[in-house]
Amino acid sequence: EARKSSKTSQWWQWYNAYLRTPEWAARRDKVLKRCNYVCQGCGERRAILAHHLTYDRAGAEMLFDLVGLCQQCHDQLHPK
């Protein structure tokens, strides 16, 4: 979280735009298929999100940089 909070608003604008690209959609789909749409956090609910374990390669992620999560587990990692 500390690394995430150090990102600039310009970086976040780029990142949010990236999450709307076909490239991200394809990468996300590969991650969800890899985990058979089962949440890697709880192992029970349907995985619907690809969560970054690191932002070091954002935009050119390796698949091992990402895990499939349900909304509830993702919310636990990013409390509002």
PDB file of N, CA and C in Angstrom:
ATOM      1  N   GLU A   1       0.823  -1.202   0.000  1.00  0.00           N
ATOM      2  CA  GLU A   1       0.000   0.000   0.000  1.00  0.00           C
ATOM      3  C   GLU A   1       0.862   1.259   0.000  1.00  0.00           C
ATOM      4  N   ALA A   2       1.998   1.216   0.677  1.00  0.00           N
ATOM      5  CA  ALA A   2       2.860   2.399   0.740  1.00  0.00           C
ATOM      6  C   ALA A   2       3.354   2.785  -0.645  1.00  0.00           C
ATOM      7  N   ARG A   3       3.762   1.788  -1.439  1.00  0.00           N
ATOM      8  CA  ARG A   3       4.212   2.074  -2.807  1.00  0.00           C
ATOM      9  C   ARG A   3       3.070   2.635  -3.631  1.00  0.00           C
ATOM     10  N   LYS A   4       1.884   2.074  -3.431  1.00  0.00           N
ATOM     11  CA  LYS A   4       0.715   2.526  -4.176  1.00  0.00           C
ATOM     12  C   LYS A   4       0.414   3.982  -3.856  1.00  0.00           C
ATOM     13  N   SER A   5       0.488   4.372  -2.592  1.00  0.00           N
ATOM     14  CA  SER A   5       0.157   5.740  -2.213  1.00  0.00           C
ATOM     15  C   SER A   5       1.206   6.735  -2.684  1.00  0.00           C
ATOM     16  N   SER A   6       2.397   6.252  -3.053  1.00  0.00           N
ATOM     17  CA  SER A   6       3.442   7.158  -3.526  1.00  0.00           C
ATOM     18  C   SER A   6       3.272   7.517  -5.004  1.00  0.00           C
ATOM     19  N   LYS A   7       2.325   6.892  -5.691  1.00  0.00           N
ATOM     20  CA  LYS A   7       2.109   7.177  -7.114  1.00  0.00           C
ATOM     21  C   LYS A   7       1.499   8.571  -7.276  1.00  0.00           C
ATOM     22  N   THR A   8       1.869   9.224  -8.363  1.00  0.00           N
ATOM     23  CA  THR A   8       1.359  10.566  -8.638  1.00  0.00           C
ATOM     24  C   THR A   8      -0.036  10.497  -9.261  1.00  0.00           C
ATOM     25  N   SER A   9      -0.726  11.615  -9.233  1.00  0.00           N
ATOM     26  CA  SER A   9      -2.053  11.643  -9.862  1.00  0.00           C
ATOM     27  C   SER A   9      -1.943  11.385 -11.365  1.00  0.00           C
ATOM     28  N   GLN A  10      -0.851  11.805 -11.975  1.00  0.00           N
ATOM     29  CA  GLN A  10      -0.645  11.530 -13.398  1.00  0.00           C
ATOM     30  C   GLN A  10      -0.510  10.028 -13.631  1.00  0.00           C
ATOM     31  N   TRP A  11       0.214   9.334 -12.750  1.00  0.00           N
ATOM     32  CA  TRP A  11       0.354   7.885 -12.871  1.00  0.00           C
ATOM     33  C   TRP A  11      -1.008   7.225 -12.736  1.00  0.00           C
ATOM     34  N   TRP A  12      -1.807   7.655 -11.755  1.00  0.00           N
ATOM     35  CA  TRP A  12      -3.126   7.068 -11.559  1.00  0.00           C
ATOM     36  C   TRP A  12      -4.029   7.323 -12.755  1.00  0.00           C
ATOM     37  N   GLN A  13      -3.936   8.464 -13.400  1.00  0.00           N
ATOM     38  CA  GLN A  13      -4.722   8.724 -14.617  1.00  0.00           C
ATOM     39  C   GLN A  13      -4.329   7.733 -15.699  1.00  0.00           C
ATOM     40  N   TRP A  14      -3.018   7.538 -15.879  1.00  0.00           N
ATOM     41  CA  TRP A  14      -2.548   6.576 -16.868  1.00  0.00           C
ATOM     42  C   TRP A  14      -3.052   5.179 -16.522  1.00  0.00           C
ATOM     43  N   TYR A  15      -2.929   4.761 -15.262  1.00  0.00           N
ATOM     44  CA  TYR A  15      -3.303   3.428 -14.820  1.00  0.00           C
ATOM     45  C   TYR A  15      -4.797   3.178 -15.022  1.00  0.00           C
ATOM     46  N   ASN A  16      -5.620   4.119 -14.635  1.00  0.00           N
ATOM     47  CA  ASN A  16      -7.067   3.963 -14.807  1.00  0.00           C
ATOM     48  C   ASN A  16      -7.450   3.870 -16.275  1.00  0.00           C
ATOM     49  N   ALA A  17      -6.754   4.601 -17.137  1.00  0.00           N
ATOM     50  CA  ALA A  17      -6.997   4.492 -18.580  1.00  0.00           C
ATOM     51  C   ALA A  17      -6.530   3.120 -19.080  1.00  0.00           C
ATOM     52  N   TYR A  18      -5.395   2.654 -18.576  1.00  0.00           N
ATOM     53  CA  TYR A  18      -4.872   1.342 -18.960  1.00  0.00           C
ATOM     54  C   TYR A  18      -5.870   0.230 -18.632  1.00  0.00           C
ATOM     55  N   LEU A  19      -6.543   0.332 -17.493  1.00  0.00           N
ATOM     56  CA  LEU A  19      -7.504  -0.695 -17.090  1.00  0.00           C
ATOM     57  C   LEU A  19      -8.712  -0.777 -18.028  1.00  0.00           C
ATOM     58  N   ARG A  20      -8.844   0.179 -18.923  1.00  0.00           N
ATOM     59  CA  ARG A  20      -9.935   0.158 -19.907  1.00  0.00           C
ATOM     60  C   ARG A  20      -9.470  -0.306 -21.286  1.00  0.00           C
ATOM     61  N   THR A  21      -8.230  -0.767 -21.398  1.00  0.00           N
ATOM     62  CA  THR A  21      -7.690  -1.164 -22.706  1.00  0.00           C
ATOM     63  C   THR A  21      -7.951  -2.639 -22.997  1.00  0.00           C
ATOM     64  N   PRO A  22      -7.942  -2.998 -24.271  1.00  0.00           N
ATOM     65  CA  PRO A  22      -8.046  -4.410 -24.650  1.00  0.00           C
ATOM     66  C   PRO A  22      -6.873  -5.240 -24.113  1.00  0.00           C
ATOM     67  N   GLU A  23      -5.703  -4.628 -23.998  1.00  0.00           N
ATOM     68  CA  GLU A  23      -4.533  -5.345 -23.481  1.00  0.00           C
ATOM     69  C   GLU A  23      -4.769  -5.792 -22.035  1.00  0.00           C
ATOM     70  N   TRP A  24      -5.303  -4.874 -21.215  1.00  0.00           N
ATOM     71  CA  TRP A  24      -5.597  -5.240 -19.834  1.00  0.00           C
ATOM     72  C   TRP A  24      -6.701  -6.298 -19.782  1.00  0.00           C
ATOM     73  N   ALA A  25      -7.725  -6.154 -20.590  1.00  0.00           N
ATOM     74  CA  ALA A  25      -8.828  -7.123 -20.598  1.00  0.00           C
ATOM     75  C   ALA A  25      -8.312  -8.518 -20.926  1.00  0.00           C
ATOM     76  N   ALA A  26      -7.399  -8.619 -21.871  1.00  0.00           N
ATOM     77  CA  ALA A  26      -6.843  -9.920 -22.254  1.00  0.00           C
ATOM     78  C   ALA A  26      -6.006 -10.506 -21.115  1.00  0.00           C
ATOM     79  N   ARG A  27      -5.207  -9.672 -20.476  1.00  0.00           N
ATOM     80  CA  ARG A  27      -4.369 -10.141 -19.372  1.00  0.00           C
ATOM     81  C   ARG A  27      -5.238 -10.579 -18.195  1.00  0.00           C
ATOM     82  N   ARG A  28      -6.246  -9.793 -17.888  1.00  0.00           N
ATOM     83  CA  ARG A  28      -7.182 -10.122 -16.815  1.00  0.00           C
ATOM     84  C   ARG A  28      -7.874 -11.456 -17.101  1.00  0.00           C
ATOM     85  N   ASP A  29      -8.321 -11.647 -18.323  1.00  0.00           N
ATOM     86  CA  ASP A  29      -8.991 -12.897 -18.697  1.00  0.00           C
ATOM     87  C   ASP A  29      -8.075 -14.103 -18.507  1.00  0.00           C
ATOM     88  N   LYS A  30      -6.796 -13.963 -18.859  1.00  0.00           N
ATOM     89  CA  LYS A  30      -5.843 -15.064 -18.669  1.00  0.00           C
ATOM     90  C   LYS A  30      -5.699 -15.415 -17.194  1.00  0.00           C
ATOM     91  N   VAL A  31      -5.659 -14.395 -16.343  1.00  0.00           N
ATOM     92  CA  VAL A  31      -5.519 -14.627 -14.902  1.00  0.00           C
ATOM     93  C   VAL A  31      -6.753 -15.332 -14.355  1.00  0.00           C
ATOM     94  N   LEU A  32      -7.932 -14.869 -14.752  1.00  0.00           N
ATOM     95  CA  LEU A  32      -9.167 -15.483 -14.256  1.00  0.00           C
ATOM     96  C   LEU A  32      -9.316 -16.919 -14.753  1.00  0.00           C
ATOM     97  N   LYS A  33      -8.933 -17.168 -15.996  1.00  0.00           N
ATOM     98  CA  LYS A  33      -8.975 -18.543 -16.512  1.00  0.00           C
ATOM     99  C   LYS A  33      -7.978 -19.425 -15.779  1.00  0.00           C
ATOM    100  N   ARG A  34      -6.792 -18.895 -15.492  1.00  0.00           N
ATOM    101  CA  ARG A  34      -5.763 -19.669 -14.795  1.00  0.00           C
ATOM    102  C   ARG A  34      -6.255 -20.172 -13.436  1.00  0.00           C
ATOM    103  N   CYS A  35      -7.036 -19.354 -12.735  1.00  0.00           N
ATOM    104  CA  CYS A  35      -7.534 -19.768 -11.417  1.00  0.00           C
ATOM    105  C   CYS A  35      -8.924 -20.397 -11.509  1.00  0.00           C
ATOM    106  N   ASN A  36      -9.355 -20.704 -12.724  1.00  0.00           N
ATOM    107  CA  ASN A  36     -10.679 -21.304 -12.938  1.00  0.00           C
ATOM    108  C   ASN A  36     -11.795 -20.481 -12.305  1.00  0.00           C
ATOM    109  N   TYR A  37     -11.609 -19.181 -12.298  1.00  0.00           N
ATOM    110  CA  TYR A  37     -12.597 -18.245 -11.767  1.00  0.00           C
ATOM    111  C   TYR A  37     -12.910 -18.480 -10.287  1.00  0.00           C
ATOM    112  N   VAL A  38     -11.943 -19.078  -9.562  1.00  0.00           N
ATOM    113  CA  VAL A  38     -12.081 -19.281  -8.113  1.00  0.00           C
ATOM    114  C   VAL A  38     -11.153 -18.273  -7.428  1.00  0.00           C
ATOM    115  N   CYS A  39     -11.692 -17.537  -6.468  1.00  0.00           N
ATOM    116  CA  CYS A  39     -10.930 -16.515  -5.759  1.00  0.00           C
ATOM    117  C   CYS A  39      -9.687 -17.112  -5.115  1.00  0.00           C
ATOM    118  N   GLN A  40      -8.543 -16.490  -5.350  1.00  0.00           N
ATOM    119  CA  GLN A  40      -7.276 -16.936  -4.776  1.00  0.00           C
ATOM    120  C   GLN A  40      -7.125 -16.483  -3.334  1.00  0.00           C
ATOM    121  N   GLY A  41      -8.054 -15.644  -2.862  1.00  0.00           N
ATOM    122  CA  GLY A  41      -8.024 -15.186  -1.476  1.00  0.00           C
ATOM    123  C   GLY A  41      -8.772 -16.123  -0.556  1.00  0.00           C
ATOM    124  N   CYS A  42     -10.033 -16.366  -0.864  1.00  0.00           N
ATOM    125  CA  CYS A  42     -10.873 -17.201   0.001  1.00  0.00           C
ATOM    126  C   CYS A  42     -11.037 -18.618  -0.517  1.00  0.00           C
ATOM    127  N   GLY A  43     -10.805 -18.824  -1.801  1.00  0.00           N
ATOM    128  CA  GLY A  43     -10.956 -20.146  -2.379  1.00  0.00           C
ATOM    129  C   GLY A  43     -12.399 -20.609  -2.491  1.00  0.00           C
ATOM    130  N   GLU A  44     -13.333 -19.695  -2.309  1.00  0.00           N
ATOM    131  CA  GLU A  44     -14.749 -20.062  -2.301  1.00  0.00           C
ATOM    132  C   GLU A  44     -15.583 -19.315  -3.339  1.00  0.00           C
ATOM    133  N   ARG A  45     -15.427 -18.016  -3.366  1.00  0.00           N
ATOM    134  CA  ARG A  45     -16.281 -17.205  -4.234  1.00  0.00           C
ATOM    135  C   ARG A  45     -15.675 -17.105  -5.637  1.00  0.00           C
ATOM    136  N   ARG A  46     -16.504 -16.592  -6.549  1.00  0.00           N
ATOM    137  CA  ARG A  46     -16.092 -16.430  -7.944  1.00  0.00           C
ATOM    138  C   ARG A  46     -15.104 -15.271  -8.069  1.00  0.00           C
ATOM    139  N   ALA A  47     -13.970 -15.536  -8.696  1.00  0.00           N
ATOM    140  CA  ALA A  47     -12.984 -14.493  -8.986  1.00  0.00           C
ATOM    141  C   ALA A  47     -13.495 -13.658 -10.145  1.00  0.00           C
ATOM    142  N   ILE A  48     -13.530 -12.360  -9.944  1.00  0.00           N
ATOM    143  CA  ILE A  48     -13.994 -11.440 -10.986  1.00  0.00           C
ATOM    144  C   ILE A  48     -12.984 -10.336 -11.270  1.00  0.00           C
ATOM    145  N   LEU A  49     -11.942 -10.254 -10.439  1.00  0.00           N
ATOM    146  CA  LEU A  49     -10.950  -9.193 -10.560  1.00  0.00           C
ATOM    147  C   LEU A  49      -9.548  -9.772 -10.637  1.00  0.00           C
ATOM    148  N   ALA A  50      -8.687  -9.136 -11.400  1.00  0.00           N
ATOM    149  CA  ALA A  50      -7.263  -9.464 -11.395  1.00  0.00           C
ATOM    150  C   ALA A  50      -6.580  -8.400 -10.547  1.00  0.00           C
ATOM    151  N   HIS A  51      -5.980  -8.838  -9.465  1.00  0.00           N
ATOM    152  CA  HIS A  51      -5.349  -7.935  -8.502  1.00  0.00           C
ATOM    153  C   HIS A  51      -3.841  -7.920  -8.698  1.00  0.00           C
ATOM    154  N   HIS A  52      -3.259  -6.723  -8.721  1.00  0.00           N
ATOM    155  CA  HIS A  52      -1.805  -6.576  -8.842  1.00  0.00           C
ATOM    156  C   HIS A  52      -1.128  -6.893  -7.511  1.00  0.00           C
ATOM    157  N   LEU A  53      -0.186  -7.807  -7.528  1.00  0.00           N
ATOM    158  CA  LEU A  53       0.667  -8.042  -6.363  1.00  0.00           C
ATOM    159  C   LEU A  53       1.788  -7.011  -6.323  1.00  0.00           C
ATOM    160  N   THR A  54       2.119  -6.467  -7.475  1.00  0.00           N
ATOM    161  CA  THR A  54       3.110  -5.409  -7.605  1.00  0.00           C
ATOM    162  C   THR A  54       2.685  -4.501  -8.747  1.00  0.00           C
ATOM    163  N   TYR A  55       3.048  -3.234  -8.637  1.00  0.00           N
ATOM    164  CA  TYR A  55       2.807  -2.291  -9.735  1.00  0.00           C
ATOM    165  C   TYR A  55       4.096  -2.034 -10.518  1.00  0.00           C
ATOM    166  N   ASP A  56       5.159  -2.761 -10.178  1.00  0.00           N
ATOM    167  CA  ASP A  56       6.465  -2.530 -10.806  1.00  0.00           C
ATOM    168  C   ASP A  56       6.426  -2.659 -12.321  1.00  0.00           C
ATOM    169  N   ARG A  57       5.588  -3.567 -12.831  1.00  0.00           N
ATOM    170  CA  ARG A  57       5.507  -3.777 -14.281  1.00  0.00           C
ATOM    171  C   ARG A  57       4.125  -3.409 -14.820  1.00  0.00           C
ATOM    172  N   ALA A  58       3.431  -2.504 -14.150  1.00  0.00           N
ATOM    173  CA  ALA A  58       2.086  -2.113 -14.597  1.00  0.00           C
ATOM    174  C   ALA A  58       2.141  -1.706 -16.066  1.00  0.00           C
ATOM    175  N   GLY A  59       1.261  -2.298 -16.830  1.00  0.00           N
ATOM    176  CA  GLY A  59       1.236  -2.061 -18.270  1.00  0.00           C
ATOM    177  C   GLY A  59       1.945  -3.149 -19.051  1.00  0.00           C
ATOM    178  N   ALA A  60       2.816  -3.873 -18.371  1.00  0.00           N
ATOM    179  CA  ALA A  60       3.538  -4.994 -18.991  1.00  0.00           C
ATOM    180  C   ALA A  60       3.686  -6.110 -17.958  1.00  0.00           C
ATOM    181  N   GLU A  61       2.612  -6.372 -17.220  1.00  0.00           N
ATOM    182  CA  GLU A  61       2.642  -7.341 -16.139  1.00  0.00           C
ATOM    183  C   GLU A  61       2.987  -8.736 -16.635  1.00  0.00           C
ATOM    184  N   MET A  62       3.723  -9.461 -15.802  1.00  0.00           N
ATOM    185  CA  MET A  62       3.879 -10.896 -15.974  1.00  0.00           C
ATOM    186  C   MET A  62       2.645 -11.489 -15.297  1.00  0.00           C
ATOM    187  N   LEU A  63       2.187 -12.626 -15.768  1.00  0.00           N
ATOM    188  CA  LEU A  63       0.975 -13.199 -15.179  1.00  0.00           C
ATOM    189  C   LEU A  63       1.146 -13.503 -13.699  1.00  0.00           C
ATOM    190  N   PHE A  64       2.360 -13.801 -13.253  1.00  0.00           N
ATOM    191  CA  PHE A  64       2.566 -14.071 -11.834  1.00  0.00           C
ATOM    192  C   PHE A  64       2.521 -12.801 -10.984  1.00  0.00           C
ATOM    193  N   ASP A  65       2.407 -11.637 -11.620  1.00  0.00           N
ATOM    194  CA  ASP A  65       2.218 -10.378 -10.895  1.00  0.00           C
ATOM    195  C   ASP A  65       0.762 -10.175 -10.481  1.00  0.00           C
ATOM    196  N   LEU A  66      -0.122 -11.052 -10.942  1.00  0.00           N
ATOM    197  CA  LEU A  66      -1.560 -10.868 -10.766  1.00  0.00           C
ATOM    198  C   LEU A  66      -2.209 -12.108 -10.173  1.00  0.00           C
ATOM    199  N   VAL A  67      -3.251 -11.893  -9.353  1.00  0.00           N
ATOM    200  CA  VAL A  67      -4.047 -12.999  -8.823  1.00  0.00           C
ATOM    201  C   VAL A  67      -5.520 -12.686  -9.027  1.00  0.00           C
ATOM    202  N   GLY A  68      -6.314 -13.726  -9.191  1.00  0.00           N
ATOM    203  CA  GLY A  68      -7.756 -13.570  -9.341  1.00  0.00           C
ATOM    204  C   GLY A  68      -8.421 -13.502  -7.976  1.00  0.00           C
ATOM    205  N   LEU A  69      -9.265 -12.499  -7.777  1.00  0.00           N
ATOM    206  CA  LEU A  69      -9.941 -12.309  -6.499  1.00  0.00           C
ATOM    207  C   LEU A  69     -11.427 -12.029  -6.687  1.00  0.00           C
ATOM    208  N   CYS A  70     -12.201 -12.384  -5.661  1.00  0.00           N
ATOM    209  CA  CYS A  70     -13.602 -11.971  -5.609  1.00  0.00           C
ATOM    210  C   CYS A  70     -13.639 -10.521  -5.111  1.00  0.00           C
ATOM    211  N   GLN A  71     -14.776  -9.896  -5.229  1.00  0.00           N
ATOM    212  CA  GLN A  71     -14.888  -8.496  -4.806  1.00  0.00           C
ATOM    213  C   GLN A  71     -14.635  -8.341  -3.308  1.00  0.00           C
ATOM    214  N   GLN A  72     -15.133  -9.265  -2.492  1.00  0.00           N
ATOM    215  CA  GLN A  72     -14.977  -9.156  -1.045  1.00  0.00           C
ATOM    216  C   GLN A  72     -13.507  -9.217  -0.625  1.00  0.00           C
ATOM    217  N   CYS A  73     -12.747 -10.156  -1.176  1.00  0.00           N
ATOM    218  CA  CYS A  73     -11.332 -10.248  -0.837  1.00  0.00           C
ATOM    219  C   CYS A  73     -10.565  -9.032  -1.348  1.00  0.00           C
ATOM    220  N   HIS A  74     -10.903  -8.557  -2.530  1.00  0.00           N
ATOM    221  CA  HIS A  74     -10.244  -7.366  -3.062  1.00  0.00           C
ATOM    222  C   HIS A  74     -10.524  -6.167  -2.170  1.00  0.00           C
ATOM    223  N   ASP A  75     -11.753  -6.044  -1.691  1.00  0.00           N
ATOM    224  CA  ASP A  75     -12.104  -4.939  -0.804  1.00  0.00           C
ATOM    225  C   ASP A  75     -11.319  -4.994   0.511  1.00  0.00           C
ATOM    226  N   GLN A  76     -11.007  -6.198   0.979  1.00  0.00           N
ATOM    227  CA  GLN A  76     -10.209  -6.330   2.198  1.00  0.00           C
ATOM    228  C   GLN A  76      -8.784  -5.802   1.979  1.00  0.00           C
ATOM    229  N   LEU A  77      -8.269  -5.990   0.773  1.00  0.00           N
ATOM    230  CA  LEU A  77      -6.922  -5.504   0.460  1.00  0.00           C
ATOM    231  C   LEU A  77      -6.878  -4.003   0.227  1.00  0.00           C
ATOM    232  N   HIS A  78      -7.992  -3.437  -0.201  1.00  0.00           N
ATOM    233  CA  HIS A  78      -8.086  -2.000  -0.486  1.00  0.00           C
ATOM    234  C   HIS A  78      -9.262  -1.398   0.281  1.00  0.00           C
ATOM    235  N   PRO A  79      -9.150  -1.318   1.604  1.00  0.00           N
ATOM    236  CA  PRO A  79     -10.270  -0.748   2.369  1.00  0.00           C
ATOM    237  C   PRO A  79     -10.494   0.715   1.992  1.00  0.00           C
ATOM    238  N   LYS A  80     -11.743   1.111   2.040  1.00  0.00           N
ATOM    239  CA  LYS A  80     -12.096   2.483   1.643  1.00  0.00           C
ATOM    240  C   LYS A  80     -12.060   3.424   2.816  1.00  0.00           C
TER     241      LYS A  80
END
